[in-house]
Structure formats: C-alpha cells, structure tokens
Amino acid sequence: MSKLTRSNDSFLTWIQAHERAWGNQTYSGRPTLEQMLSASVVVFWSRAGMEKTDKHHVVTLHADLTALEKHFARLLMFGETETSRNRVIAIFEGGKQVRIADVRVRFAPVDSGESERGNQ
C-alpha cells in the first residue's frame, strides 16, 4: 500500500500524488484537477490486482456520501457473491478526510403477503 494511506495526509497531498502518478495518462472517468478541487466528495480507490507499491489510484467524485453508503451496504449484503473490483482507500468530504464512524443494521419483519405470493 502506498504511504498515502496515513490519515494525516492532506487532501492536496492526495491530489498531487494522483496527478504525478498519472501524468498525461488517463483512465475512464478520470476527473480533471479543477473537478477534484471543487467536488463535494472525492474518493480514492485502489484498483483490483494493483501492486502494493503502485500509486496509480483512481478517483471518483460525488455530490454527497450517499453513493458510498450504498456501495458499503452492497458489500455487506452481497460481499460473498459480488466482489468489488476496487477498494476505497481514502474519502474526502469538503477537503477533509473522513472515515466510516458507525454501521447500523436494522431488521424488519418480512411481509407475509409477499412471501406467500413468492411461493405460489
């Protein structure tokens, strides 16, 4: 894993490392420097099969944390059957690094009407 996984690295340090690593190369959906600097949420991902010393992280931009909440919920629910090609390394919201602080799983009764219809 690159040295950038330390929590004390700044948002700009991550962006600079991304820009240096990729240079003029590109990947599908690669945001511009301006887009990264102005995005509400910036996520750095380690690509599947990446060498531990490879610093070519990919970046996605988001309006809020909702898409990431859905991503982690899907991993929790379907992790055994659905492998994620990429792994989240760092999340920045408003230029500040954030982490998952809490996970809450709630249960509700299954609607018996739906389960009976599914058996017919």
PDB file of N, CA and C in Angstrom:
ATOM      1  N   MET A   1       0.854  -1.171   0.000  1.00  0.00           N
ATOM      2  CA  MET A   1       0.000   0.000   0.000  1.00  0.00           C
ATOM      3  C   MET A   1       0.902   1.237   0.000  1.00  0.00           C
ATOM      4  N   SER A   2       0.483   2.262  -0.664  1.00  0.00           N
ATOM      5  CA  SER A   2       1.302   3.461  -0.723  1.00  0.00           C
ATOM      6  C   SER A   2       1.325   4.162   0.634  1.00  0.00           C
ATOM      7  N   LYS A   3       2.263   5.056   0.766  1.00  0.00           N
ATOM      8  CA  LYS A   3       2.394   5.802   2.015  1.00  0.00           C
ATOM      9  C   LYS A   3       1.211   6.741   2.240  1.00  0.00           C
ATOM     10  N   LEU A   4       0.414   6.966   1.214  1.00  0.00           N
ATOM     11  CA  LEU A   4      -0.711   7.890   1.322  1.00  0.00           C
ATOM     12  C   LEU A   4      -1.857   7.372   2.156  1.00  0.00           C
ATOM     13  N   THR A   5      -1.763   6.170   2.662  1.00  0.00           N
ATOM     14  CA  THR A   5      -2.868   5.658   3.465  1.00  0.00           C
ATOM     15  C   THR A   5      -2.863   6.228   4.876  1.00  0.00           C
ATOM     16  N   ARG A   6      -1.846   6.960   5.236  1.00  0.00           N
ATOM     17  CA  ARG A   6      -1.831   7.576   6.571  1.00  0.00           C
ATOM     18  C   ARG A   6      -2.931   8.625   6.653  1.00  0.00           C
ATOM     19  N   SER A   7      -3.590   8.672   7.782  1.00  0.00           N
ATOM     20  CA  SER A   7      -4.735   9.582   7.917  1.00  0.00           C
ATOM     21  C   SER A   7      -4.317  11.049   8.021  1.00  0.00           C
ATOM     22  N   ASN A   8      -3.034  11.325   8.252  1.00  0.00           N
ATOM     23  CA  ASN A   8      -2.623  12.721   8.417  1.00  0.00           C
ATOM     24  C   ASN A   8      -2.235  13.382   7.093  1.00  0.00           C
ATOM     25  N   ASP A   9      -2.327  12.659   5.982  1.00  0.00           N
ATOM     26  CA  ASP A   9      -2.037  13.269   4.695  1.00  0.00           C
ATOM     27  C   ASP A   9      -3.190  14.169   4.283  1.00  0.00           C
ATOM     28  N   SER A  10      -2.859  15.307   3.727  1.00  0.00           N
ATOM     29  CA  SER A  10      -3.881  16.277   3.370  1.00  0.00           C
ATOM     30  C   SER A  10      -4.517  15.950   2.024  1.00  0.00           C
ATOM     31  N   PHE A  11      -5.649  16.555   1.805  1.00  0.00           N
ATOM     32  CA  PHE A  11      -6.375  16.422   0.554  1.00  0.00           C
ATOM     33  C   PHE A  11      -5.485  16.790  -0.626  1.00  0.00           C
ATOM     34  N   LEU A  12      -4.781  17.888  -0.507  1.00  0.00           N
ATOM     35  CA  LEU A  12      -3.906  18.324  -1.599  1.00  0.00           C
ATOM     36  C   LEU A  12      -2.763  17.347  -1.828  1.00  0.00           C
ATOM     37  N   THR A  13      -2.258  16.711  -0.775  1.00  0.00           N
ATOM     38  CA  THR A  13      -1.208  15.709  -0.922  1.00  0.00           C
ATOM     39  C   THR A  13      -1.716  14.539  -1.761  1.00  0.00           C
ATOM     40  N   TRP A  14      -2.934  14.098  -1.490  1.00  0.00           N
ATOM     41  CA  TRP A  14      -3.534  13.007  -2.256  1.00  0.00           C
ATOM     42  C   TRP A  14      -3.720  13.399  -3.719  1.00  0.00           C
ATOM     43  N   ILE A  15      -4.230  14.591  -3.950  1.00  0.00           N
ATOM     44  CA  ILE A  15      -4.454  15.053  -5.324  1.00  0.00           C
ATOM     45  C   ILE A  15      -3.129  15.187  -6.065  1.00  0.00           C
ATOM     46  N   GLN A  16      -2.123  15.755  -5.413  1.00  0.00           N
ATOM     47  CA  GLN A  16      -0.815  15.889  -6.058  1.00  0.00           C
ATOM     48  C   GLN A  16      -0.228  14.537  -6.414  1.00  0.00           C
ATOM     49  N   ALA A  17      -0.343  13.573  -5.519  1.00  0.00           N
ATOM     50  CA  ALA A  17       0.174  12.226  -5.787  1.00  0.00           C
ATOM     51  C   ALA A  17      -0.573  11.594  -6.962  1.00  0.00           C
ATOM     52  N   HIS A  18      -1.877  11.793  -7.014  1.00  0.00           N
ATOM     53  CA  HIS A  18      -2.688  11.272  -8.121  1.00  0.00           C
ATOM     54  C   HIS A  18      -2.228  11.882  -9.432  1.00  0.00           C
ATOM     55  N   GLU A  19      -2.075  13.186  -9.465  1.00  0.00           N
ATOM     56  CA  GLU A  19      -1.689  13.873 -10.695  1.00  0.00           C
ATOM     57  C   GLU A  19      -0.278  13.479 -11.134  1.00  0.00           C
ATOM     58  N   ARG A  20       0.643  13.344 -10.188  1.00  0.00           N
ATOM     59  CA  ARG A  20       2.010  12.927 -10.530  1.00  0.00           C
ATOM     60  C   ARG A  20       2.044  11.497 -11.054  1.00  0.00           C
ATOM     61  N   ALA A  21       1.294  10.617 -10.405  1.00  0.00           N
ATOM     62  CA  ALA A  21       1.299   9.201 -10.798  1.00  0.00           C
ATOM     63  C   ALA A  21       0.727   9.009 -12.205  1.00  0.00           C
ATOM     64  N   TRP A  22      -0.339   9.734 -12.520  1.00  0.00           N
ATOM     65  CA  TRP A  22      -0.983   9.533 -13.803  1.00  0.00           C
ATOM     66  C   TRP A  22      -0.405  10.398 -14.906  1.00  0.00           C
ATOM     67  N   GLY A  23       0.108  11.574 -14.552  1.00  0.00           N
ATOM     68  CA  GLY A  23       0.676  12.456 -15.573  1.00  0.00           C
ATOM     69  C   GLY A  23      -0.296  12.690 -16.711  1.00  0.00           C
ATOM     70  N   ASN A  24       0.150  12.398 -17.940  1.00  0.00           N
ATOM     71  CA  ASN A  24      -0.702  12.582 -19.117  1.00  0.00           C
ATOM     72  C   ASN A  24      -1.534  11.347 -19.437  1.00  0.00           C
ATOM     73  N   GLN A  25      -1.357  10.272 -18.681  1.00  0.00           N
ATOM     74  CA  GLN A  25      -2.163   9.067 -18.897  1.00  0.00           C
ATOM     75  C   GLN A  25      -3.577   9.328 -18.375  1.00  0.00           C
ATOM     76  N   THR A  26      -4.477   8.488 -18.787  1.00  0.00           N
ATOM     77  CA  THR A  26      -5.852   8.671 -18.355  1.00  0.00           C
ATOM     78  C   THR A  26      -6.501   7.333 -18.036  1.00  0.00           C
ATOM     79  N   TYR A  27      -7.643   7.385 -17.436  1.00  0.00           N
ATOM     80  CA  TYR A  27      -8.488   6.219 -17.217  1.00  0.00           C
ATOM     81  C   TYR A  27      -9.921   6.671 -17.390  1.00  0.00           C
ATOM     82  N   SER A  28     -10.797   5.719 -17.595  1.00  0.00           N
ATOM     83  CA  SER A  28     -12.198   6.034 -17.837  1.00  0.00           C
ATOM     84  C   SER A  28     -12.773   6.821 -16.664  1.00  0.00           C
ATOM     85  N   GLY A  29     -13.306   7.983 -16.953  1.00  0.00           N
ATOM     86  CA  GLY A  29     -13.925   8.805 -15.917  1.00  0.00           C
ATOM     87  C   GLY A  29     -12.950   9.633 -15.099  1.00  0.00           C
ATOM     88  N   ARG A  30     -11.679   9.693 -15.524  1.00  0.00           N
ATOM     89  CA  ARG A  30     -10.706  10.471 -14.739  1.00  0.00           C
ATOM     90  C   ARG A  30     -11.116  11.940 -14.689  1.00  0.00           C
ATOM     91  N   PRO A  31     -11.292  12.454 -13.465  1.00  0.00           N
ATOM     92  CA  PRO A  31     -11.675  13.868 -13.345  1.00  0.00           C
ATOM     93  C   PRO A  31     -10.467  14.782 -13.557  1.00  0.00           C
ATOM     94  N   THR A  32     -10.753  16.010 -13.935  1.00  0.00           N
ATOM     95  CA  THR A  32      -9.684  16.999 -14.068  1.00  0.00           C
ATOM     96  C   THR A  32      -9.285  17.498 -12.677  1.00  0.00           C
ATOM     97  N   LEU A  33      -8.160  18.148 -12.615  1.00  0.00           N
ATOM     98  CA  LEU A  33      -7.705  18.742 -11.359  1.00  0.00           C
ATOM     99  C   LEU A  33      -8.751  19.717 -10.823  1.00  0.00           C
ATOM    100  N   GLU A  34      -9.295  20.526 -11.688  1.00  0.00           N
ATOM    101  CA  GLU A  34     -10.306  21.506 -11.280  1.00  0.00           C
ATOM    102  C   GLU A  34     -11.549  20.820 -10.713  1.00  0.00           C
ATOM    103  N   GLN A  35     -11.969  19.722 -11.342  1.00  0.00           N
ATOM    104  CA  GLN A  35     -13.140  18.990 -10.852  1.00  0.00           C
ATOM    105  C   GLN A  35     -12.875  18.401  -9.471  1.00  0.00           C
ATOM    106  N   MET A  36     -11.677  17.855  -9.265  1.00  0.00           N
ATOM    107  CA  MET A  36     -11.345  17.279  -7.952  1.00  0.00           C
ATOM    108  C   MET A  36     -11.343  18.348  -6.871  1.00  0.00           C
ATOM    109  N   LEU A  37     -10.768  19.493  -7.182  1.00  0.00           N
ATOM    110  CA  LEU A  37     -10.666  20.558  -6.190  1.00  0.00           C
ATOM    111  C   LEU A  37     -12.026  21.155  -5.825  1.00  0.00           C
ATOM    112  N   SER A  38     -12.985  21.090  -6.736  1.00  0.00           N
ATOM    113  CA  SER A  38     -14.285  21.703  -6.465  1.00  0.00           C
ATOM    114  C   SER A  38     -15.367  20.692  -6.061  1.00  0.00           C
ATOM    115  N   ALA A  39     -15.058  19.400  -6.076  1.00  0.00           N
ATOM    116  CA  ALA A  39     -16.060  18.378  -5.750  1.00  0.00           C
ATOM    117  C   ALA A  39     -16.381  18.354  -4.261  1.00  0.00           C
ATOM    118  N   SER A  40     -17.612  18.012  -3.946  1.00  0.00           N
ATOM    119  CA  SER A  40     -18.026  17.886  -2.543  1.00  0.00           C
ATOM    120  C   SER A  40     -17.367  16.676  -1.888  1.00  0.00           C
ATOM    121  N   VAL A  41     -17.368  15.540  -2.612  1.00  0.00           N
ATOM    122  CA  VAL A  41     -16.791  14.304  -2.092  1.00  0.00           C
ATOM    123  C   VAL A  41     -15.840  13.725  -3.141  1.00  0.00           C
ATOM    124  N   VAL A  42     -14.618  13.437  -2.716  1.00  0.00           N
ATOM    125  CA  VAL A  42     -13.604  12.841  -3.587  1.00  0.00           C
ATOM    126  C   VAL A  42     -13.165  11.530  -2.939  1.00  0.00           C
ATOM    127  N   VAL A  43     -13.210  10.455  -3.735  1.00  0.00           N
ATOM    128  CA  VAL A  43     -12.858   9.139  -3.220  1.00  0.00           C
ATOM    129  C   VAL A  43     -11.687   8.586  -4.020  1.00  0.00           C
ATOM    130  N   PHE A  44     -10.668   8.108  -3.301  1.00  0.00           N
ATOM    131  CA  PHE A  44      -9.515   7.470  -3.916  1.00  0.00           C
ATOM    132  C   PHE A  44      -9.677   5.965  -3.763  1.00  0.00           C
ATOM    133  N   TRP A  45      -9.496   5.241  -4.872  1.00  0.00           N
ATOM    134  CA  TRP A  45      -9.703   3.807  -4.927  1.00  0.00           C
ATOM    135  C   TRP A  45      -8.423   3.100  -5.350  1.00  0.00           C
ATOM    136  N   SER A  46      -8.201   1.953  -4.765  1.00  0.00           N
ATOM    137  CA  SER A  46      -7.132   1.052  -5.205  1.00  0.00           C
ATOM    138  C   SER A  46      -7.774   0.079  -6.180  1.00  0.00           C
ATOM    139  N   ARG A  47      -7.197  -0.052  -7.348  1.00  0.00           N
ATOM    140  CA  ARG A  47      -7.772  -0.948  -8.349  1.00  0.00           C
ATOM    141  C   ARG A  47      -7.442  -2.396  -8.031  1.00  0.00           C
ATOM    142  N   ALA A  48      -8.328  -3.288  -8.381  1.00  0.00           N
ATOM    143  CA  ALA A  48      -8.118  -4.713  -8.146  1.00  0.00           C
ATOM    144  C   ALA A  48      -6.859  -5.162  -8.874  1.00  0.00           C
ATOM    145  N   GLY A  49      -6.066  -5.980  -8.195  1.00  0.00           N
ATOM    146  CA  GLY A  49      -4.847  -6.513  -8.785  1.00  0.00           C
ATOM    147  C   GLY A  49      -3.676  -5.549  -8.789  1.00  0.00           C
ATOM    148  N   MET A  50      -3.836  -4.390  -8.172  1.00  0.00           N
ATOM    149  CA  MET A  50      -2.756  -3.410  -8.137  1.00  0.00           C
ATOM    150  C   MET A  50      -1.632  -3.888  -7.239  1.00  0.00           C
ATOM    151  N   GLU A  51      -0.432  -3.635  -7.645  1.00  0.00           N
ATOM    152  CA  GLU A  51       0.707  -3.936  -6.785  1.00  0.00           C
ATOM    153  C   GLU A  51       0.658  -2.998  -5.577  1.00  0.00           C
ATOM    154  N   LYS A  52       1.176  -3.464  -4.456  1.00  0.00           N
ATOM    155  CA  LYS A  52       1.121  -2.659  -3.235  1.00  0.00           C
ATOM    156  C   LYS A  52       1.873  -1.345  -3.373  1.00  0.00           C
ATOM    157  N   THR A  53       2.869  -1.280  -4.228  1.00  0.00           N
ATOM    158  CA  THR A  53       3.651  -0.055  -4.379  1.00  0.00           C
ATOM    159  C   THR A  53       3.130   0.840  -5.501  1.00  0.00           C
ATOM    160  N   ASP A  54       2.135   0.364  -6.247  1.00  0.00           N
ATOM    161  CA  ASP A  54       1.569   1.146  -7.335  1.00  0.00           C
ATOM    162  C   ASP A  54       0.784   2.321  -6.755  1.00  0.00           C
ATOM    163  N   LYS A  55       1.105   3.513  -7.203  1.00  0.00           N
ATOM    164  CA  LYS A  55       0.427   4.706  -6.695  1.00  0.00           C
ATOM    165  C   LYS A  55      -0.626   5.220  -7.669  1.00  0.00           C
ATOM    166  N   HIS A  56      -0.983   4.406  -8.636  1.00  0.00           N
ATOM    167  CA  HIS A  56      -1.972   4.806  -9.624  1.00  0.00           C
ATOM    168  C   HIS A  56      -3.386   4.563  -9.090  1.00  0.00           C
ATOM    169  N   HIS A  57      -3.758   5.317  -8.082  1.00  0.00           N
ATOM    170  CA  HIS A  57      -5.111   5.219  -7.564  1.00  0.00           C
ATOM    171  C   HIS A  57      -6.053   5.910  -8.528  1.00  0.00           C
ATOM    172  N   VAL A  58      -7.289   5.459  -8.551  1.00  0.00           N
ATOM    173  CA  VAL A  58      -8.290   6.128  -9.369  1.00  0.00           C
ATOM    174  C   VAL A  58      -9.176   6.957  -8.449  1.00  0.00           C
ATOM    175  N   VAL A  59      -9.819   7.956  -9.036  1.00  0.00           N
ATOM    176  CA  VAL A  59     -10.626   8.907  -8.265  1.00  0.00           C
ATOM    177  C   VAL A  59     -12.035   8.934  -8.817  1.00  0.00           C
ATOM    178  N   THR A  60     -12.999   8.991  -7.908  1.00  0.00           N
ATOM    179  CA  THR A  60     -14.383   9.267  -8.297  1.00  0.00           C
ATOM    180  C   THR A  60     -14.869  10.474  -7.508  1.00  0.00           C
ATOM    181  N   LEU A  61     -15.774  11.206  -8.111  1.00  0.00           N
ATOM    182  CA  LEU A  61     -16.336  12.409  -7.487  1.00  0.00           C
ATOM    183  C   LEU A  61     -17.816  12.194  -7.229  1.00  0.00           C
ATOM    184  N   HIS A  62     -18.298  12.750  -6.120  1.00  0.00           N
ATOM    185  CA  HIS A  62     -19.689  12.553  -5.724  1.00  0.00           C
ATOM    186  C   HIS A  62     -20.252  13.836  -5.138  1.00  0.00           C
ATOM    187  N   ALA A  63     -21.560  14.012  -5.289  1.00  0.00           N
ATOM    188  CA  ALA A  63     -22.236  15.186  -4.730  1.00  0.00           C
ATOM    189  C   ALA A  63     -22.341  15.085  -3.209  1.00  0.00           C
ATOM    190  N   ASP A  64     -22.473  13.832  -2.703  1.00  0.00           N
ATOM    191  CA  ASP A  64     -22.567  13.608  -1.256  1.00  0.00           C
ATOM    192  C   ASP A  64     -22.109  12.176  -0.979  1.00  0.00           C
ATOM    193  N   LEU A  65     -22.292  11.724   0.247  1.00  0.00           N
ATOM    194  CA  LEU A  65     -21.807  10.395   0.644  1.00  0.00           C
ATOM    195  C   LEU A  65     -22.802   9.260   0.366  1.00  0.00           C
ATOM    196  N   THR A  66     -23.945   9.578  -0.213  1.00  0.00           N
ATOM    197  CA  THR A  66     -24.986   8.576  -0.447  1.00  0.00           C
ATOM    198  C   THR A  66     -24.502   7.399  -1.285  1.00  0.00           C
ATOM    199  N   ALA A  67     -23.794   7.662  -2.365  1.00  0.00           N
ATOM    200  CA  ALA A  67     -23.316   6.578  -3.232  1.00  0.00           C
ATOM    201  C   ALA A  67     -22.359   5.659  -2.480  1.00  0.00           C
ATOM    202  N   LEU A  68     -21.557   6.215  -1.597  1.00  0.00           N
ATOM    203  CA  LEU A  68     -20.634   5.391  -0.817  1.00  0.00           C
ATOM    204  C   LEU A  68     -21.378   4.567   0.223  1.00  0.00           C
ATOM    205  N   GLU A  69     -22.405   5.142   0.813  1.00  0.00           N
ATOM    206  CA  GLU A  69     -23.229   4.374   1.748  1.00  0.00           C
ATOM    207  C   GLU A  69     -23.820   3.159   1.040  1.00  0.00           C
ATOM    208  N   LYS A  70     -24.306   3.363  -0.167  1.00  0.00           N
ATOM    209  CA  LYS A  70     -24.876   2.263  -0.945  1.00  0.00           C
ATOM    210  C   LYS A  70     -23.805   1.238  -1.307  1.00  0.00           C
ATOM    211  N   HIS A  71     -22.615   1.711  -1.664  1.00  0.00           N
ATOM    212  CA  HIS A  71     -21.505   0.812  -2.007  1.00  0.00           C
ATOM    213  C   HIS A  71     -21.168  -0.101  -0.827  1.00  0.00           C
ATOM    214  N   PHE A  72     -21.015   0.465   0.345  1.00  0.00           N
ATOM    215  CA  PHE A  72     -20.649  -0.332   1.518  1.00  0.00           C
ATOM    216  C   PHE A  72     -21.792  -1.245   1.957  1.00  0.00           C
ATOM    217  N   ALA A  73     -23.025  -0.799   1.805  1.00  0.00           N
ATOM    218  CA  ALA A  73     -24.167  -1.659   2.131  1.00  0.00           C
ATOM    219  C   ALA A  73     -24.206  -2.859   1.191  1.00  0.00           C
ATOM    220  N   ARG A  74     -23.933  -2.636  -0.096  1.00  0.00           N
ATOM    221  CA  ARG A  74     -23.898  -3.746  -1.054  1.00  0.00           C
ATOM    222  C   ARG A  74     -22.779  -4.721  -0.712  1.00  0.00           C
ATOM    223  N   LEU A  75     -21.626  -4.210  -0.295  1.00  0.00           N
ATOM    224  CA  LEU A  75     -20.534  -5.101   0.105  1.00  0.00           C
ATOM    225  C   LEU A  75     -20.937  -5.943   1.306  1.00  0.00           C
ATOM    226  N   LEU A  76     -21.638  -5.331   2.240  1.00  0.00           N
ATOM    227  CA  LEU A  76     -22.085  -6.051   3.426  1.00  0.00           C
ATOM    228  C   LEU A  76     -23.102  -7.130   3.064  1.00  0.00           C
ATOM    229  N   MET A  77     -24.048  -6.783   2.218  1.00  0.00           N
ATOM    230  CA  MET A  77     -25.122  -7.715   1.871  1.00  0.00           C
ATOM    231  C   MET A  77     -24.702  -8.778   0.862  1.00  0.00           C
ATOM    232  N   PHE A  78     -23.865  -8.407  -0.106  1.00  0.00           N
ATOM    233  CA  PHE A  78     -23.572  -9.316  -1.210  1.00  0.00           C
ATOM    234  C   PHE A  78     -22.082  -9.591  -1.365  1.00  0.00           C
ATOM    235  N   GLY A  79     -21.303  -9.322  -0.348  1.00  0.00           N
ATOM    236  CA  GLY A  79     -19.849  -9.437  -0.421  1.00  0.00           C
ATOM    237  C   GLY A  79     -19.337 -10.782  -0.888  1.00  0.00           C
ATOM    238  N   GLU A  80     -20.015 -11.862  -0.520  1.00  0.00           N
ATOM    239  CA  GLU A  80     -19.548 -13.185  -0.902  1.00  0.00           C
ATOM    240  C   GLU A  80     -19.782 -13.474  -2.373  1.00  0.00           C
ATOM    241  N   THR A  81     -20.820 -12.919  -2.946  1.00  0.00           N
ATOM    242  CA  THR A  81     -21.135 -13.219  -4.334  1.00  0.00           C
ATOM    243  C   THR A  81     -20.734 -12.101  -5.285  1.00  0.00           C
ATOM    244  N   GLU A  82     -20.534 -10.936  -4.772  1.00  0.00           N
ATOM    245  CA  GLU A  82     -20.211  -9.791  -5.617  1.00  0.00           C
ATOM    246  C   GLU A  82     -18.886  -9.193  -5.152  1.00  0.00           C
ATOM    247  N   THR A  83     -17.833  -9.462  -5.854  1.00  0.00           N
ATOM    248  CA  THR A  83     -16.539  -8.929  -5.452  1.00  0.00           C
ATOM    249  C   THR A  83     -16.353  -7.548  -6.046  1.00  0.00           C
ATOM    250  N   SER A  84     -15.860  -6.663  -5.254  1.00  0.00           N
ATOM    251  CA  SER A  84     -15.618  -5.301  -5.698  1.00  0.00           C
ATOM    252  C   SER A  84     -14.296  -5.252  -6.458  1.00  0.00           C
ATOM    253  N   ARG A  85     -14.313  -4.646  -7.611  1.00  0.00           N
ATOM    254  CA  ARG A  85     -13.094  -4.534  -8.407  1.00  0.00           C
ATOM    255  C   ARG A  85     -12.142  -3.521  -7.795  1.00  0.00           C
ATOM    256  N   ASN A  86     -12.673  -2.555  -7.100  1.00  0.00           N
ATOM    257  CA  ASN A  86     -11.854  -1.508  -6.500  1.00  0.00           C
ATOM    258  C   ASN A  86     -12.112  -1.442  -4.999  1.00  0.00           C
ATOM    259  N   ARG A  87     -11.117  -0.936  -4.282  1.00  0.00           N
ATOM    260  CA  ARG A  87     -11.230  -0.827  -2.833  1.00  0.00           C
ATOM    261  C   ARG A  87     -11.020   0.626  -2.433  1.00  0.00           C
ATOM    262  N   VAL A  88     -11.892   1.138  -1.580  1.00  0.00           N
ATOM    263  CA  VAL A  88     -11.768   2.521  -1.119  1.00  0.00           C
ATOM    264  C   VAL A  88     -10.526   2.654  -0.253  1.00  0.00           C
ATOM    265  N   ILE A  89      -9.719   3.672  -0.549  1.00  0.00           N
ATOM    266  CA  ILE A  89      -8.510   3.924   0.236  1.00  0.00           C
ATOM    267  C   ILE A  89      -8.660   5.174   1.086  1.00  0.00           C
ATOM    268  N   ALA A  90      -9.275   6.210   0.504  1.00  0.00           N
ATOM    269  CA  ALA A  90      -9.460   7.459   1.245  1.00  0.00           C
ATOM    270  C   ALA A  90     -10.698   8.176   0.721  1.00  0.00           C
ATOM    271  N   ILE A  91     -11.401   8.800   1.644  1.00  0.00           N
ATOM    272  CA  ILE A  91     -12.597   9.570   1.319  1.00  0.00           C
ATOM    273  C   ILE A  91     -12.403  10.979   1.871  1.00  0.00           C
ATOM    274  N   PHE A  92     -12.649  11.964   1.021  1.00  0.00           N
ATOM    275  CA  PHE A  92     -12.565  13.361   1.445  1.00  0.00           C
ATOM    276  C   PHE A  92     -13.907  14.026   1.188  1.00  0.00           C
ATOM    277  N   GLU A  93     -14.434  14.659   2.212  1.00  0.00           N
ATOM    278  CA  GLU A  93     -15.672  15.427   2.089  1.00  0.00           C
ATOM    279  C   GLU A  93     -15.344  16.866   2.447  1.00  0.00           C
ATOM    280  N   GLY A  94     -15.593  17.758   1.506  1.00  0.00           N
ATOM    281  CA  GLY A  94     -15.264  19.163   1.742  1.00  0.00           C
ATOM    282  C   GLY A  94     -13.782  19.382   2.001  1.00  0.00           C
ATOM    283  N   GLY A  95     -12.939  18.565   1.395  1.00  0.00           N
ATOM    284  CA  GLY A  95     -11.499  18.710   1.546  1.00  0.00           C
ATOM    285  C   GLY A  95     -10.928  18.113   2.818  1.00  0.00           C
ATOM    286  N   LYS A  96     -11.766  17.518   3.660  1.00  0.00           N
ATOM    287  CA  LYS A  96     -11.300  16.895   4.905  1.00  0.00           C
ATOM    288  C   LYS A  96     -11.512  15.391   4.824  1.00  0.00           C
ATOM    289  N   GLN A  97     -10.495  14.644   5.251  1.00  0.00           N
ATOM    290  CA  GLN A  97     -10.604  13.192   5.181  1.00  0.00           C
ATOM    291  C   GLN A  97     -11.613  12.690   6.207  1.00  0.00           C
ATOM    292  N   VAL A  98     -12.471  11.783   5.761  1.00  0.00           N
ATOM    293  CA  VAL A  98     -13.484  11.188   6.628  1.00  0.00           C
ATOM    294  C   VAL A  98     -13.313   9.672   6.611  1.00  0.00           C
ATOM    295  N   ARG A  99     -13.912   9.041   7.609  1.00  0.00           N
ATOM    296  CA  ARG A  99     -13.873   7.585   7.713  1.00  0.00           C
ATOM    297  C   ARG A  99     -15.255   7.110   8.125  1.00  0.00           C
ATOM    298  N   ILE A 100     -15.465   5.815   7.991  1.00  0.00           N
ATOM    299  CA  ILE A 100     -16.726   5.253   8.455  1.00  0.00           C
ATOM    300  C   ILE A 100     -16.697   5.308   9.981  1.00  0.00           C
ATOM    301  N   ALA A 101     -17.675   5.943  10.568  1.00  0.00           N
ATOM    302  CA  ALA A 101     -17.706   6.108  12.014  1.00  0.00           C
ATOM    303  C   ALA A 101     -18.681   5.154  12.682  1.00  0.00           C
ATOM    304  N   ASP A 102     -19.652   4.677  11.916  1.00  0.00           N
ATOM    305  CA  ASP A 102     -20.695   3.876  12.526  1.00  0.00           C
ATOM    306  C   ASP A 102     -21.352   3.014  11.452  1.00  0.00           C
ATOM    307  N   VAL A 103     -21.715   1.834  11.829  1.00  0.00           N
ATOM    308  CA  VAL A 103     -22.500   0.961  10.955  1.00  0.00           C
ATOM    309  C   VAL A 103     -23.674   0.460  11.780  1.00  0.00           C
ATOM    310  N   ARG A 104     -24.848   0.619  11.240  1.00  0.00           N
ATOM    311  CA  ARG A 104     -26.045   0.180  11.958  1.00  0.00           C
ATOM    312  C   ARG A 104     -26.867  -0.693  11.024  1.00  0.00           C
ATOM    313  N   VAL A 105     -27.180  -1.862  11.468  1.00  0.00           N
ATOM    314  CA  VAL A 105     -28.017  -2.767  10.701  1.00  0.00           C
ATOM    315  C   VAL A 105     -29.341  -2.876  11.427  1.00  0.00           C
ATOM    316  N   ARG A 106     -30.425  -2.595  10.727  1.00  0.00           N
ATOM    317  CA  ARG A 106     -31.753  -2.690  11.319  1.00  0.00           C
ATOM    318  C   ARG A 106     -32.509  -3.814  10.636  1.00  0.00           C
ATOM    319  N   PHE A 107     -33.367  -4.469  11.382  1.00  0.00           N
ATOM    320  CA  PHE A 107     -34.160  -5.561  10.851  1.00  0.00           C
ATOM    321  C   PHE A 107     -35.630  -5.215  10.933  1.00  0.00           C
ATOM    322  N   ALA A 108     -36.391  -5.720   9.971  1.00  0.00           N
ATOM    323  CA  ALA A 108     -37.839  -5.509   9.935  1.00  0.00           C
ATOM    324  C   ALA A 108     -38.485  -6.833   9.586  1.00  0.00           C
ATOM    325  N   PRO A 109     -39.709  -7.009  10.035  1.00  0.00           N
ATOM    326  CA  PRO A 109     -40.400  -8.261   9.694  1.00  0.00           C
ATOM    327  C   PRO A 109     -40.615  -8.365   8.197  1.00  0.00           C
ATOM    328  N   VAL A 110     -40.590  -9.575   7.710  1.00  0.00           N
ATOM    329  CA  VAL A 110     -40.851  -9.830   6.302  1.00  0.00           C
ATOM    330  C   VAL A 110     -42.360  -9.808   6.108  1.00  0.00           C
ATOM    331  N   ASP A 111     -42.808  -9.112   5.092  1.00  0.00           N
ATOM    332  CA  ASP A 111     -44.239  -9.039   4.799  1.00  0.00           C
ATOM    333  C   ASP A 111     -44.711 -10.424   4.377  1.00  0.00           C
ATOM    334  N   SER A 112     -45.572 -11.034   5.193  1.00  0.00           N
ATOM    335  CA  SER A 112     -46.007 -12.405   4.924  1.00  0.00           C
ATOM    336  C   SER A 112     -46.783 -12.506   3.624  1.00  0.00           C
ATOM    337  N   GLY A 113     -47.437 -11.464   3.217  1.00  0.00           N
ATOM    338  CA  GLY A 113     -48.175 -11.477   1.947  1.00  0.00           C
ATOM    339  C   GLY A 113     -47.242 -11.650   0.766  1.00  0.00           C
ATOM    340  N   GLU A 114     -46.102 -10.984   0.797  1.00  0.00           N
ATOM    341  CA  GLU A 114     -45.146 -11.109  -0.289  1.00  0.00           C
ATOM    342  C   GLU A 114     -44.516 -12.498  -0.321  1.00  0.00           C
ATOM    343  N   SER A 115     -44.179 -13.044   0.877  1.00  0.00           N
ATOM    344  CA  SER A 115     -43.542 -14.350   0.899  1.00  0.00           C
ATOM    345  C   SER A 115     -44.499 -15.438   0.444  1.00  0.00           C
ATOM    346  N   GLU A 116     -45.802 -15.269   0.741  1.00  0.00           N
ATOM    347  CA  GLU A 116     -46.791 -16.265   0.295  1.00  0.00           C
ATOM    348  C   GLU A 116     -46.965 -16.192  -1.226  1.00  0.00           C
ATOM    349  N   ARG A 117     -46.939 -14.977  -1.777  1.00  0.00           N
ATOM    350  CA  ARG A 117     -47.070 -14.843  -3.226  1.00  0.00           C
ATOM    351  C   ARG A 117     -45.863 -15.429  -3.940  1.00  0.00           C
ATOM    352  N   GLY A 118     -44.693 -15.336  -3.313  1.00  0.00           N
ATOM    353  CA  GLY A 118     -43.481 -15.869  -3.933  1.00  0.00           C
ATOM    354  C   GLY A 118     -43.465 -17.385  -3.966  1.00  0.00           C
ATOM    355  N   ASN A 119     -44.230 -18.032  -3.076  1.00  0.00           N
ATOM    356  CA  ASN A 119     -44.279 -19.499  -3.035  1.00  0.00           C
ATOM    357  C   ASN A 119     -45.329 -20.072  -3.981  1.00  0.00           C
ATOM    358  N   GLN A 120     -46.158 -19.249  -4.573  1.00  0.00           N
ATOM    359  CA  GLN A 120     -47.220 -19.756  -5.449  1.00  0.00           C
ATOM    360  C   GLN A 120     -46.742 -19.953  -6.859  1.00  0.00           C
TER     361      GLN A 120
END
